[in-house]
Amino acid sequence: MNDFVAGLTRWLIRAVLLAAGLVLFLSLLAAALVLALVWGLRAGWARLTGQPVVPWTMRMDPRTGWSTVYRSGARWTGPRADPGGAAAAPEPPRRGGVLPGAGEVTDVQPRDL
């Protein structure tokens, strides 16, 4: 009896996995067919109206990635030292000031700095 139940369970799991794979395959096939249908309708409409059939393209300029990385490196590099020896004093960070809207707060007690 155990062999029968084990065999039945194995076949049931195989059938479920086969059905899941079939559903996945059919859903991907349906998505591809819908995409092909939309592309065909778009191309047909362009020909019907006398416009050129423009392919779908991914508009990407490889220079934008380089310039983004190149520009972002500027904030991580410090100012260069003056070769004459007289380096300008760095500006203190803009911290410790009064926040905007701090005068409207009424439920706290201000403390001395």
PDB file of N, CA and C in Angstrom:
ATOM      1  N   MET A   1       0.821  -1.197   0.000  1.00  0.00           N
ATOM      2  CA  MET A   1       0.000   0.000   0.000  1.00  0.00           C
ATOM      3  C   MET A   1       0.863   1.258   0.000  1.00  0.00           C
ATOM      4  N   ASN A   2       2.000   1.218   0.745  1.00  0.00           N
ATOM      5  CA  ASN A   2       2.885   2.373   0.777  1.00  0.00           C
ATOM      6  C   ASN A   2       3.472   2.666  -0.601  1.00  0.00           C
ATOM      7  N   ASP A   3       3.802   1.612  -1.346  1.00  0.00           N
ATOM      8  CA  ASP A   3       4.354   1.811  -2.673  1.00  0.00           C
ATOM      9  C   ASP A   3       3.327   2.461  -3.600  1.00  0.00           C
ATOM     10  N   PHE A   4       2.093   2.089  -3.452  1.00  0.00           N
ATOM     11  CA  PHE A   4       1.039   2.666  -4.282  1.00  0.00           C
ATOM     12  C   PHE A   4       0.861   4.148  -3.985  1.00  0.00           C
ATOM     13  N   VAL A   5       0.817   4.523  -2.706  1.00  0.00           N
ATOM     14  CA  VAL A   5       0.650   5.922  -2.307  1.00  0.00           C
ATOM     15  C   VAL A   5       1.876   6.737  -2.725  1.00  0.00           C
ATOM     16  N   ALA A   6       3.079   6.184  -2.561  1.00  0.00           N
ATOM     17  CA  ALA A   6       4.306   6.897  -2.953  1.00  0.00           C
ATOM     18  C   ALA A   6       4.330   7.097  -4.467  1.00  0.00           C
ATOM     19  N   GLY A   7       3.965   6.079  -5.230  1.00  0.00           N
ATOM     20  CA  GLY A   7       3.920   6.211  -6.685  1.00  0.00           C
ATOM     21  C   GLY A   7       2.870   7.207  -7.128  1.00  0.00           C
ATOM     22  N   LEU A   8       1.709   7.170  -6.498  1.00  0.00           N
ATOM     23  CA  LEU A   8       0.640   8.115  -6.829  1.00  0.00           C
ATOM     24  C   LEU A   8       1.061   9.554  -6.503  1.00  0.00           C
ATOM     25  N   THR A   9       1.745   9.736  -5.384  1.00  0.00           N
ATOM     26  CA  THR A   9       2.221  11.067  -5.001  1.00  0.00           C
ATOM     27  C   THR A   9       3.254  11.581  -5.995  1.00  0.00           C
ATOM     28  N   ARG A  10       4.183  10.691  -6.402  1.00  0.00           N
ATOM     29  CA  ARG A  10       5.190  11.092  -7.390  1.00  0.00           C
ATOM     30  C   ARG A  10       4.543  11.520  -8.693  1.00  0.00           C
ATOM     31  N   TRP A  11       3.588  10.742  -9.174  1.00  0.00           N
ATOM     32  CA  TRP A  11       2.914  11.098 -10.431  1.00  0.00           C
ATOM     33  C   TRP A  11       2.086  12.369 -10.293  1.00  0.00           C
ATOM     34  N   LEU A  12       1.491  12.565  -9.121  1.00  0.00           N
ATOM     35  CA  LEU A  12       0.711  13.780  -8.893  1.00  0.00           C
ATOM     36  C   LEU A  12       1.616  15.017  -8.892  1.00  0.00           C
ATOM     37  N   ILE A  13       2.783  14.910  -8.255  1.00  0.00           N
ATOM     38  CA  ILE A  13       3.727  16.039  -8.243  1.00  0.00           C
ATOM     39  C   ILE A  13       4.235  16.308  -9.653  1.00  0.00           C
ATOM     40  N   ARG A  14       4.534  15.264 -10.405  1.00  0.00           N
ATOM     41  CA  ARG A  14       4.971  15.436 -11.788  1.00  0.00           C
ATOM     42  C   ARG A  14       3.895  16.124 -12.629  1.00  0.00           C
ATOM     43  N   ALA A  15       2.645  15.715 -12.434  1.00  0.00           N
ATOM     44  CA  ALA A  15       1.550  16.311 -13.199  1.00  0.00           C
ATOM     45  C   ALA A  15       1.365  17.787 -12.840  1.00  0.00           C
ATOM     46  N   VAL A  16       1.494  18.121 -11.557  1.00  0.00           N
ATOM     47  CA  VAL A  16       1.352  19.514 -11.122  1.00  0.00           C
ATOM     48  C   VAL A  16       2.490  20.367 -11.688  1.00  0.00           C
ATOM     49  N   LEU A  17       3.724  19.853 -11.643  1.00  0.00           N
ATOM     50  CA  LEU A  17       4.850  20.601 -12.190  1.00  0.00           C
ATOM     51  C   LEU A  17       4.743  20.746 -13.701  1.00  0.00           C
ATOM     52  N   LEU A  18       4.272  19.706 -14.380  1.00  0.00           N
ATOM     53  CA  LEU A  18       4.076  19.790 -15.819  1.00  0.00           C
ATOM     54  C   LEU A  18       3.003  20.828 -16.156  1.00  0.00           C
ATOM     55  N   ALA A  19       1.933  20.846 -15.387  1.00  0.00           N
ATOM     56  CA  ALA A  19       0.873  21.831 -15.620  1.00  0.00           C
ATOM     57  C   ALA A  19       1.382  23.252 -15.348  1.00  0.00           C
ATOM     58  N   ALA A  20       2.183  23.429 -14.302  1.00  0.00           N
ATOM     59  CA  ALA A  20       2.728  24.750 -14.001  1.00  0.00           C
ATOM     60  C   ALA A  20       3.667  25.205 -15.116  1.00  0.00           C
ATOM     61  N   GLY A  21       4.493  24.315 -15.614  1.00  0.00           N
ATOM     62  CA  GLY A  21       5.374  24.659 -16.726  1.00  0.00           C
ATOM     63  C   GLY A  21       4.600  24.991 -17.981  1.00  0.00           C
ATOM     64  N   LEU A  22       3.535  24.250 -18.224  1.00  0.00           N
ATOM     65  CA  LEU A  22       2.705  24.512 -19.394  1.00  0.00           C
ATOM     66  C   LEU A  22       2.008  25.867 -19.283  1.00  0.00           C
ATOM     67  N   VAL A  23       1.532  26.198 -18.103  1.00  0.00           N
ATOM     68  CA  VAL A  23       0.883  27.500 -17.889  1.00  0.00           C
ATOM     69  C   VAL A  23       1.898  28.626 -18.080  1.00  0.00           C
ATOM     70  N   LEU A  24       3.112  28.454 -17.568  1.00  0.00           N
ATOM     71  CA  LEU A  24       4.141  29.474 -17.744  1.00  0.00           C
ATOM     72  C   LEU A  24       4.484  29.650 -19.218  1.00  0.00           C
ATOM     73  N   PHE A  25       4.661  28.544 -19.929  1.00  0.00           N
ATOM     74  CA  PHE A  25       4.980  28.607 -21.349  1.00  0.00           C
ATOM     75  C   PHE A  25       3.872  29.305 -22.135  1.00  0.00           C
ATOM     76  N   LEU A  26       2.630  28.932 -21.858  1.00  0.00           N
ATOM     77  CA  LEU A  26       1.510  29.529 -22.587  1.00  0.00           C
ATOM     78  C   LEU A  26       1.340  31.014 -22.266  1.00  0.00           C
ATOM     79  N   SER A  27       1.623  31.408 -21.030  1.00  0.00           N
ATOM     80  CA  SER A  27       1.511  32.826 -20.689  1.00  0.00           C
ATOM     81  C   SER A  27       2.607  33.641 -21.377  1.00  0.00           C
ATOM     82  N   LEU A  28       3.822  33.106 -21.441  1.00  0.00           N
ATOM     83  CA  LEU A  28       4.887  33.811 -22.166  1.00  0.00           C
ATOM     84  C   LEU A  28       4.595  33.870 -23.660  1.00  0.00           C
ATOM     85  N   LEU A  29       4.036  32.785 -24.195  1.00  0.00           N
ATOM     86  CA  LEU A  29       3.668  32.776 -25.607  1.00  0.00           C
ATOM     87  C   LEU A  29       2.564  33.793 -25.888  1.00  0.00           C
ATOM     88  N   ALA A  30       1.596  33.896 -25.001  1.00  0.00           N
ATOM     89  CA  ALA A  30       0.514  34.866 -25.173  1.00  0.00           C
ATOM     90  C   ALA A  30       1.050  36.294 -25.105  1.00  0.00           C
ATOM     91  N   ALA A  31       1.982  36.557 -24.181  1.00  0.00           N
ATOM     92  CA  ALA A  31       2.564  37.894 -24.084  1.00  0.00           C
ATOM     93  C   ALA A  31       3.332  38.244 -25.357  1.00  0.00           C
ATOM     94  N   ALA A  32       4.076  37.280 -25.909  1.00  0.00           N
ATOM     95  CA  ALA A  32       4.814  37.528 -27.149  1.00  0.00           C
ATOM     96  C   ALA A  32       3.854  37.760 -28.314  1.00  0.00           C
ATOM     97  N   LEU A  33       2.754  37.023 -28.348  1.00  0.00           N
ATOM     98  CA  LEU A  33       1.783  37.204 -29.425  1.00  0.00           C
ATOM     99  C   LEU A  33       1.085  38.562 -29.321  1.00  0.00           C
ATOM    100  N   VAL A  34       0.788  38.990 -28.125  1.00  0.00           N
ATOM    101  CA  VAL A  34       0.174  40.313 -27.942  1.00  0.00           C
ATOM    102  C   VAL A  34       1.147  41.404 -28.376  1.00  0.00           C
ATOM    103  N   LEU A  35       2.413  41.256 -28.018  1.00  0.00           N
ATOM    104  CA  LEU A  35       3.415  42.228 -28.430  1.00  0.00           C
ATOM    105  C   LEU A  35       3.561  42.262 -29.948  1.00  0.00           C
ATOM    106  N   ALA A  36       3.559  41.080 -30.585  1.00  0.00           N
ATOM    107  CA  ALA A  36       3.647  41.027 -32.046  1.00  0.00           C
ATOM    108  C   ALA A  36       2.407  41.638 -32.693  1.00  0.00           C
ATOM    109  N   LEU A  37       1.245  41.411 -32.094  1.00  0.00           N
ATOM    110  CA  LEU A  37       0.016  41.984 -32.633  1.00  0.00           C
ATOM    111  C   LEU A  37       0.038  43.504 -32.539  1.00  0.00           C
ATOM    112  N   VAL A  38       0.470  44.037 -31.404  1.00  0.00           N
ATOM    113  CA  VAL A  38       0.549  45.488 -31.240  1.00  0.00           C
ATOM    114  C   VAL A  38       1.546  46.068 -32.233  1.00  0.00           C
ATOM    115  N   TRP A  39       2.693  45.416 -32.407  1.00  0.00           N
ATOM    116  CA  TRP A  39       3.689  45.905 -33.352  1.00  0.00           C
ATOM    117  C   TRP A  39       3.144  45.863 -34.785  1.00  0.00           C
ATOM    118  N   GLY A  40       2.434  44.799 -35.117  1.00  0.00           N
ATOM    119  CA  GLY A  40       1.856  44.698 -36.454  1.00  0.00           C
ATOM    120  C   GLY A  40       0.790  45.747 -36.705  1.00  0.00           C
ATOM    121  N   LEU A  41      -0.068  45.988 -35.720  1.00  0.00           N
ATOM    122  CA  LEU A  41      -1.085  47.031 -35.862  1.00  0.00           C
ATOM    123  C   LEU A  41      -0.449  48.410 -36.003  1.00  0.00           C
ATOM    124  N   ARG A  42       0.594  48.643 -35.250  1.00  0.00           N
ATOM    125  CA  ARG A  42       1.286  49.927 -35.333  1.00  0.00           C
ATOM    126  C   ARG A  42       1.922  50.114 -36.706  1.00  0.00           C
ATOM    127  N   ALA A  43       2.571  49.061 -37.208  1.00  0.00           N
ATOM    128  CA  ALA A  43       3.190  49.154 -38.531  1.00  0.00           C
ATOM    129  C   ALA A  43       2.132  49.286 -39.622  1.00  0.00           C
ATOM    130  N   GLY A  44       1.027  48.565 -39.499  1.00  0.00           N
ATOM    131  CA  GLY A  44      -0.059  48.671 -40.475  1.00  0.00           C
ATOM    132  C   GLY A  44      -0.673  50.046 -40.485  1.00  0.00           C
ATOM    133  N   TRP A  45      -0.877  50.633 -39.307  1.00  0.00           N
ATOM    134  CA  TRP A  45      -1.452  51.972 -39.232  1.00  0.00           C
ATOM    135  C   TRP A  45      -0.494  53.004 -39.840  1.00  0.00           C
ATOM    136  N   ALA A  46       0.798  52.826 -39.618  1.00  0.00           N
ATOM    137  CA  ALA A  46       1.773  53.759 -40.192  1.00  0.00           C
ATOM    138  C   ALA A  46       1.757  53.665 -41.721  1.00  0.00           C
ATOM    139  N   ARG A  47       1.666  52.473 -42.255  1.00  0.00           N
ATOM    140  CA  ARG A  47       1.612  52.333 -43.718  1.00  0.00           C
ATOM    141  C   ARG A  47       0.306  52.858 -44.284  1.00  0.00           C
ATOM    142  N   LEU A  48      -0.779  52.639 -43.546  1.00  0.00           N
ATOM    143  CA  LEU A  48      -2.080  53.105 -44.016  1.00  0.00           C
ATOM    144  C   LEU A  48      -2.139  54.626 -44.073  1.00  0.00           C
ATOM    145  N   THR A  49      -1.533  55.286 -43.109  1.00  0.00           N
ATOM    146  CA  THR A  49      -1.558  56.742 -43.068  1.00  0.00           C
ATOM    147  C   THR A  49      -0.404  57.377 -43.839  1.00  0.00           C
ATOM    148  N   GLY A  50       0.475  56.563 -44.403  1.00  0.00           N
ATOM    149  CA  GLY A  50       1.565  57.079 -45.216  1.00  0.00           C
ATOM    150  C   GLY A  50       2.768  57.557 -44.431  1.00  0.00           C
ATOM    151  N   GLN A  51       2.831  57.214 -43.174  1.00  0.00           N
ATOM    152  CA  GLN A  51       3.981  57.599 -42.365  1.00  0.00           C
ATOM    153  C   GLN A  51       5.039  56.509 -42.433  1.00  0.00           C
ATOM    154  N   PRO A  52       6.290  56.842 -42.177  1.00  0.00           N
ATOM    155  CA  PRO A  52       7.317  55.800 -42.180  1.00  0.00           C
ATOM    156  C   PRO A  52       7.159  54.885 -40.966  1.00  0.00           C
ATOM    157  N   VAL A  53       7.479  53.624 -41.158  1.00  0.00           N
ATOM    158  CA  VAL A  53       7.401  52.666 -40.060  1.00  0.00           C
ATOM    159  C   VAL A  53       8.677  52.807 -39.242  1.00  0.00           C
ATOM    160  N   VAL A  54       8.533  53.329 -38.044  1.00  0.00           N
ATOM    161  CA  VAL A  54       9.679  53.563 -37.173  1.00  0.00           C
ATOM    162  C   VAL A  54       9.816  52.369 -36.233  1.00  0.00           C
ATOM    163  N   PRO A  55      10.975  51.741 -36.178  1.00  0.00           N
ATOM    164  CA  PRO A  55      11.129  50.596 -35.282  1.00  0.00           C
ATOM    165  C   PRO A  55      11.169  51.047 -33.826  1.00  0.00           C
ATOM    166  N   TRP A  56      10.810  50.101 -32.951  1.00  0.00           N
ATOM    167  CA  TRP A  56      10.930  50.373 -31.528  1.00  0.00           C
ATOM    168  C   TRP A  56      12.397  50.259 -31.161  1.00  0.00           C
ATOM    169  N   THR A  57      12.931  51.296 -30.583  1.00  0.00           N
ATOM    170  CA  THR A  57      14.331  51.278 -30.179  1.00  0.00           C
ATOM    171  C   THR A  57      14.447  51.782 -28.755  1.00  0.00           C
ATOM    172  N   MET A  58      15.523  51.376 -28.134  1.00  0.00           N
ATOM    173  CA  MET A  58      15.817  51.875 -26.800  1.00  0.00           C
ATOM    174  C   MET A  58      16.779  53.037 -26.970  1.00  0.00           C
ATOM    175  N   ARG A  59      16.308  54.226 -26.718  1.00  0.00           N
ATOM    176  CA  ARG A  59      17.138  55.406 -26.915  1.00  0.00           C
ATOM    177  C   ARG A  59      18.086  55.546 -25.731  1.00  0.00           C
ATOM    178  N   MET A  60      19.340  55.191 -25.965  1.00  0.00           N
ATOM    179  CA  MET A  60      20.330  55.245 -24.900  1.00  0.00           C
ATOM    180  C   MET A  60      21.633  55.770 -25.475  1.00  0.00           C
ATOM    181  N   ASP A  61      22.185  56.723 -24.804  1.00  0.00           N
ATOM    182  CA  ASP A  61      23.459  57.278 -25.221  1.00  0.00           C
ATOM    183  C   ASP A  61      24.510  56.800 -24.232  1.00  0.00           C
ATOM    184  N   PRO A  62      25.523  56.073 -24.673  1.00  0.00           N
ATOM    185  CA  PRO A  62      26.524  55.566 -23.723  1.00  0.00           C
ATOM    186  C   PRO A  62      27.319  56.672 -23.045  1.00  0.00           C
ATOM    187  N   ARG A  63      27.325  57.851 -23.623  1.00  0.00           N
ATOM    188  CA  ARG A  63      28.074  58.952 -23.005  1.00  0.00           C
ATOM    189  C   ARG A  63      27.416  59.442 -21.723  1.00  0.00           C
ATOM    190  N   THR A  64      26.103  59.257 -21.580  1.00  0.00           N
ATOM    191  CA  THR A  64      25.434  59.750 -20.374  1.00  0.00           C
ATOM    192  C   THR A  64      25.899  59.000 -19.136  1.00  0.00           C
ATOM    193  N   GLY A  65      26.115  57.708 -19.249  1.00  0.00           N
ATOM    194  CA  GLY A  65      26.604  56.948 -18.103  1.00  0.00           C
ATOM    195  C   GLY A  65      27.981  57.406 -17.673  1.00  0.00           C
ATOM    196  N   TRP A  66      28.856  57.632 -18.637  1.00  0.00           N
ATOM    197  CA  TRP A  66      30.202  58.080 -18.314  1.00  0.00           C
ATOM    198  C   TRP A  66      30.174  59.460 -17.674  1.00  0.00           C
ATOM    199  N   SER A  67      29.390  60.368 -18.228  1.00  0.00           N
ATOM    200  CA  SER A  67      29.370  61.723 -17.676  1.00  0.00           C
ATOM    201  C   SER A  67      28.756  61.735 -16.278  1.00  0.00           C
ATOM    202  N   THR A  68      27.785  60.866 -16.023  1.00  0.00           N
ATOM    203  CA  THR A  68      27.206  60.797 -14.685  1.00  0.00           C
ATOM    204  C   THR A  68      28.238  60.340 -13.671  1.00  0.00           C
ATOM    205  N   VAL A  69      28.987  59.318 -14.012  1.00  0.00           N
ATOM    206  CA  VAL A  69      30.015  58.821 -13.094  1.00  0.00           C
ATOM    207  C   VAL A  69      31.124  59.845 -12.938  1.00  0.00           C
ATOM    208  N   TYR A  70      31.510  60.476 -14.024  1.00  0.00           N
ATOM    209  CA  TYR A  70      32.595  61.452 -13.973  1.00  0.00           C
ATOM    210  C   TYR A  70      32.208  62.650 -13.118  1.00  0.00           C
ATOM    211  N   ARG A  71      30.965  63.114 -13.250  1.00  0.00           N
ATOM    212  CA  ARG A  71      30.513  64.257 -12.461  1.00  0.00           C
ATOM    213  C   ARG A  71      30.336  63.886 -10.997  1.00  0.00           C
ATOM    214  N   SER A  72      29.882  62.667 -10.708  1.00  0.00           N
ATOM    215  CA  SER A  72      29.653  62.304  -9.306  1.00  0.00           C
ATOM    216  C   SER A  72      30.969  62.148  -8.563  1.00  0.00           C
ATOM    217  N   GLY A  73      32.066  61.891  -9.266  1.00  0.00           N
ATOM    218  CA  GLY A  73      33.358  61.784  -8.600  1.00  0.00           C
ATOM    219  C   GLY A  73      33.863  63.107  -8.089  1.00  0.00           C
ATOM    220  N   ALA A  74      33.354  64.200  -8.610  1.00  0.00           N
ATOM    221  CA  ALA A  74      33.824  65.517  -8.186  1.00  0.00           C
ATOM    222  C   ALA A  74      33.472  65.793  -6.726  1.00  0.00           C
ATOM    223  N   ARG A  75      32.397  65.264  -6.229  1.00  0.00           N
ATOM    224  CA  ARG A  75      32.052  65.561  -4.839  1.00  0.00           C
ATOM    225  C   ARG A  75      32.845  64.704  -3.855  1.00  0.00           C
ATOM    226  N   TRP A  76      33.490  63.637  -4.318  1.00  0.00           N
ATOM    227  CA  TRP A  76      34.266  62.793  -3.418  1.00  0.00           C
ATOM    228  C   TRP A  76      35.734  63.210  -3.392  1.00  0.00           C
ATOM    229  N   THR A  77      36.162  63.933  -4.359  1.00  0.00           N
ATOM    230  CA  THR A  77      37.550  64.378  -4.368  1.00  0.00           C
ATOM    231  C   THR A  77      37.626  65.724  -3.682  1.00  0.00           C
ATOM    232  N   GLY A  78      38.621  65.888  -2.843  1.00  0.00           N
ATOM    233  CA  GLY A  78      38.779  67.132  -2.107  1.00  0.00           C
ATOM    234  C   GLY A  78      39.395  68.205  -2.975  1.00  0.00           C
ATOM    235  N   PRO A  79      39.394  69.431  -2.481  1.00  0.00           N
ATOM    236  CA  PRO A  79      40.032  70.510  -3.243  1.00  0.00           C
ATOM    237  C   PRO A  79      41.540  70.276  -3.293  1.00  0.00           C
ATOM    238  N   ARG A  80      42.146  70.612  -4.391  1.00  0.00           N
ATOM    239  CA  ARG A  80      43.582  70.429  -4.588  1.00  0.00           C
ATOM    240  C   ARG A  80      44.343  71.481  -3.763  1.00  0.00           C
ATOM    241  N   ALA A  81      45.471  71.075  -3.224  1.00  0.00           N
ATOM    242  CA  ALA A  81      46.302  71.997  -2.453  1.00  0.00           C
ATOM    243  C   ALA A  81      47.008  72.943  -3.409  1.00  0.00           C
ATOM    244  N   ASP A  82      47.190  74.145  -2.940  1.00  0.00           N
ATOM    245  CA  ASP A  82      47.886  75.138  -3.750  1.00  0.00           C
ATOM    246  C   ASP A  82      49.375  74.797  -3.768  1.00  0.00           C
ATOM    247  N   PRO A  83      49.994  74.687  -4.955  1.00  0.00           N
ATOM    248  CA  PRO A  83      51.403  74.320  -4.984  1.00  0.00           C
ATOM    249  C   PRO A  83      52.310  75.390  -4.375  1.00  0.00           C
ATOM    250  N   GLY A  84      51.843  76.597  -4.222  1.00  0.00           N
ATOM    251  CA  GLY A  84      52.643  77.657  -3.620  1.00  0.00           C
ATOM    252  C   GLY A  84      52.801  77.497  -2.120  1.00  0.00           C
ATOM    253  N   GLY A  85      52.040  76.664  -1.496  1.00  0.00           N
ATOM    254  CA  GLY A  85      52.161  76.420  -0.067  1.00  0.00           C
ATOM    255  C   GLY A  85      51.072  77.111   0.738  1.00  0.00           C
ATOM    256  N   ALA A  86      50.482  78.140   0.232  1.00  0.00           N
ATOM    257  CA  ALA A  86      49.445  78.871   0.970  1.00  0.00           C
ATOM    258  C   ALA A  86      48.092  78.320   0.565  1.00  0.00           C
ATOM    259  N   ALA A  87      47.653  77.322   1.289  1.00  0.00           N
ATOM    260  CA  ALA A  87      46.356  76.712   0.986  1.00  0.00           C
ATOM    261  C   ALA A  87      45.260  77.480   1.696  1.00  0.00           C
ATOM    262  N   ALA A  88      44.172  77.660   1.038  1.00  0.00           N
ATOM    263  CA  ALA A  88      43.042  78.365   1.639  1.00  0.00           C
ATOM    264  C   ALA A  88      42.415  77.477   2.703  1.00  0.00           C
ATOM    265  N   ALA A  89      41.947  78.097   3.752  1.00  0.00           N
ATOM    266  CA  ALA A  89      41.306  77.347   4.831  1.00  0.00           C
ATOM    267  C   ALA A  89      39.972  76.799   4.321  1.00  0.00           C
ATOM    268  N   PRO A  90      39.705  75.536   4.582  1.00  0.00           N
ATOM    269  CA  PRO A  90      38.433  74.988   4.114  1.00  0.00           C
ATOM    270  C   PRO A  90      37.264  75.605   4.866  1.00  0.00           C
ATOM    271  N   GLU A  91      36.161  75.738   4.173  1.00  0.00           N
ATOM    272  CA  GLU A  91      34.969  76.295   4.800  1.00  0.00           C
ATOM    273  C   GLU A  91      34.379  75.274   5.754  1.00  0.00           C
ATOM    274  N   PRO A  92      33.894  75.740   6.894  1.00  0.00           N
ATOM    275  CA  PRO A  92      33.257  74.792   7.810  1.00  0.00           C
ATOM    276  C   PRO A  92      31.954  74.278   7.193  1.00  0.00           C
ATOM    277  N   PRO A  93      31.566  73.065   7.547  1.00  0.00           N
ATOM    278  CA  PRO A  93      30.313  72.540   6.986  1.00  0.00           C
ATOM    279  C   PRO A  93      29.126  73.362   7.451  1.00  0.00           C
ATOM    280  N   ARG A  94      28.105  73.386   6.642  1.00  0.00           N
ATOM    281  CA  ARG A  94      26.916  74.182   6.952  1.00  0.00           C
ATOM    282  C   ARG A  94      25.998  73.380   7.860  1.00  0.00           C
ATOM    283  N   ARG A  95      26.416  73.249   9.085  1.00  0.00           N
ATOM    284  CA  ARG A  95      25.622  72.527  10.064  1.00  0.00           C
ATOM    285  C   ARG A  95      25.492  73.397  11.314  1.00  0.00           C
ATOM    286  N   GLY A  96      24.573  73.077  12.138  1.00  0.00           N
ATOM    287  CA  GLY A  96      24.426  73.756  13.407  1.00  0.00           C
ATOM    288  C   GLY A  96      23.618  75.033  13.334  1.00  0.00           C
ATOM    289  N   GLY A  97      23.038  75.329  12.207  1.00  0.00           N
ATOM    290  CA  GLY A  97      22.224  76.526  12.087  1.00  0.00           C
ATOM    291  C   GLY A  97      20.813  76.266  12.592  1.00  0.00           C
ATOM    292  N   VAL A  98      20.007  77.280  12.540  1.00  0.00           N
ATOM    293  CA  VAL A  98      18.611  77.164  12.945  1.00  0.00           C
ATOM    294  C   VAL A  98      17.815  76.607  11.781  1.00  0.00           C
ATOM    295  N   LEU A  99      17.046  75.600  12.059  1.00  0.00           N
ATOM    296  CA  LEU A  99      16.241  74.985  11.016  1.00  0.00           C
ATOM    297  C   LEU A  99      15.076  75.884  10.633  1.00  0.00           C
ATOM    298  N   PRO A 100      14.668  75.832   9.354  1.00  0.00           N
ATOM    299  CA  PRO A 100      13.506  76.632   8.974  1.00  0.00           C
ATOM    300  C   PRO A 100      12.257  76.123   9.683  1.00  0.00           C
ATOM    301  N   GLY A 101      11.464  77.028  10.166  1.00  0.00           N
ATOM    302  CA  GLY A 101      10.232  76.667  10.855  1.00  0.00           C
ATOM    303  C   GLY A 101      10.431  76.387  12.334  1.00  0.00           C
ATOM    304  N   ALA A 102      11.651  76.586  12.859  1.00  0.00           N
ATOM    305  CA  ALA A 102      11.903  76.286  14.261  1.00  0.00           C
ATOM    306  C   ALA A 102      11.206  77.286  15.182  1.00  0.00           C
ATOM    307  N   GLY A 103      10.928  78.470  14.701  1.00  0.00           N
ATOM    308  CA  GLY A 103      10.247  79.456  15.532  1.00  0.00           C
ATOM    309  C   GLY A 103       8.785  79.120  15.767  1.00  0.00           C
ATOM    310  N   GLU A 104       8.226  78.238  14.984  1.00  0.00           N
ATOM    311  CA  GLU A 104       6.819  77.887  15.126  1.00  0.00           C
ATOM    312  C   GLU A 104       6.588  76.760  16.131  1.00  0.00           C
ATOM    313  N   VAL A 105       7.647  76.126  16.613  1.00  0.00           N
ATOM    314  CA  VAL A 105       7.515  75.022  17.552  1.00  0.00           C
ATOM    315  C   VAL A 105       7.204  75.575  18.928  1.00  0.00           C
ATOM    316  N   THR A 106       6.153  75.056  19.577  1.00  0.00           N
ATOM    317  CA  THR A 106       5.744  75.584  20.871  1.00  0.00           C
ATOM    318  C   THR A 106       5.716  74.540  21.970  1.00  0.00           C
ATOM    319  N   ASP A 107       5.919  73.263  21.672  1.00  0.00           N
ATOM    320  CA  ASP A 107       5.758  72.234  22.696  1.00  0.00           C
ATOM    321  C   ASP A 107       7.085  71.772  23.290  1.00  0.00           C
ATOM    322  N   VAL A 108       8.184  72.497  23.074  1.00  0.00           N
ATOM    323  CA  VAL A 108       9.469  72.137  23.661  1.00  0.00           C
ATOM    324  C   VAL A 108      10.071  73.356  24.332  1.00  0.00           C
ATOM    325  N   GLN A 109      10.990  73.119  25.239  1.00  0.00           N
ATOM    326  CA  GLN A 109      11.694  74.204  25.925  1.00  0.00           C
ATOM    327  C   GLN A 109      13.074  74.362  25.271  1.00  0.00           C
ATOM    328  N   PRO A 110      13.398  75.542  24.769  1.00  0.00           N
ATOM    329  CA  PRO A 110      14.745  75.726  24.181  1.00  0.00           C
ATOM    330  C   PRO A 110      15.803  75.656  25.250  1.00  0.00           C
ATOM    331  N   ARG A 111      16.956  75.134  24.924  1.00  0.00           N
ATOM    332  CA  ARG A 111      18.063  75.079  25.881  1.00  0.00           C
ATOM    333  C   ARG A 111      19.205  75.957  25.378  1.00  0.00           C
ATOM    334  N   ASP A 112      20.051  76.320  26.304  1.00  0.00           N
ATOM    335  CA  ASP A 112      21.178  77.192  25.969  1.00  0.00           C
ATOM    336  C   ASP A 112      22.229  76.395  25.196  1.00  0.00           C
ATOM    337  N   LEU A 113      22.913  77.101  24.304  1.00  0.00           N
ATOM    338  CA  LEU A 113      23.970  76.452  23.520  1.00  0.00           C
ATOM    339  C   LEU A 113      25.261  76.460  24.253  1.00  0.00           C
TER     340      LEU A 113
END
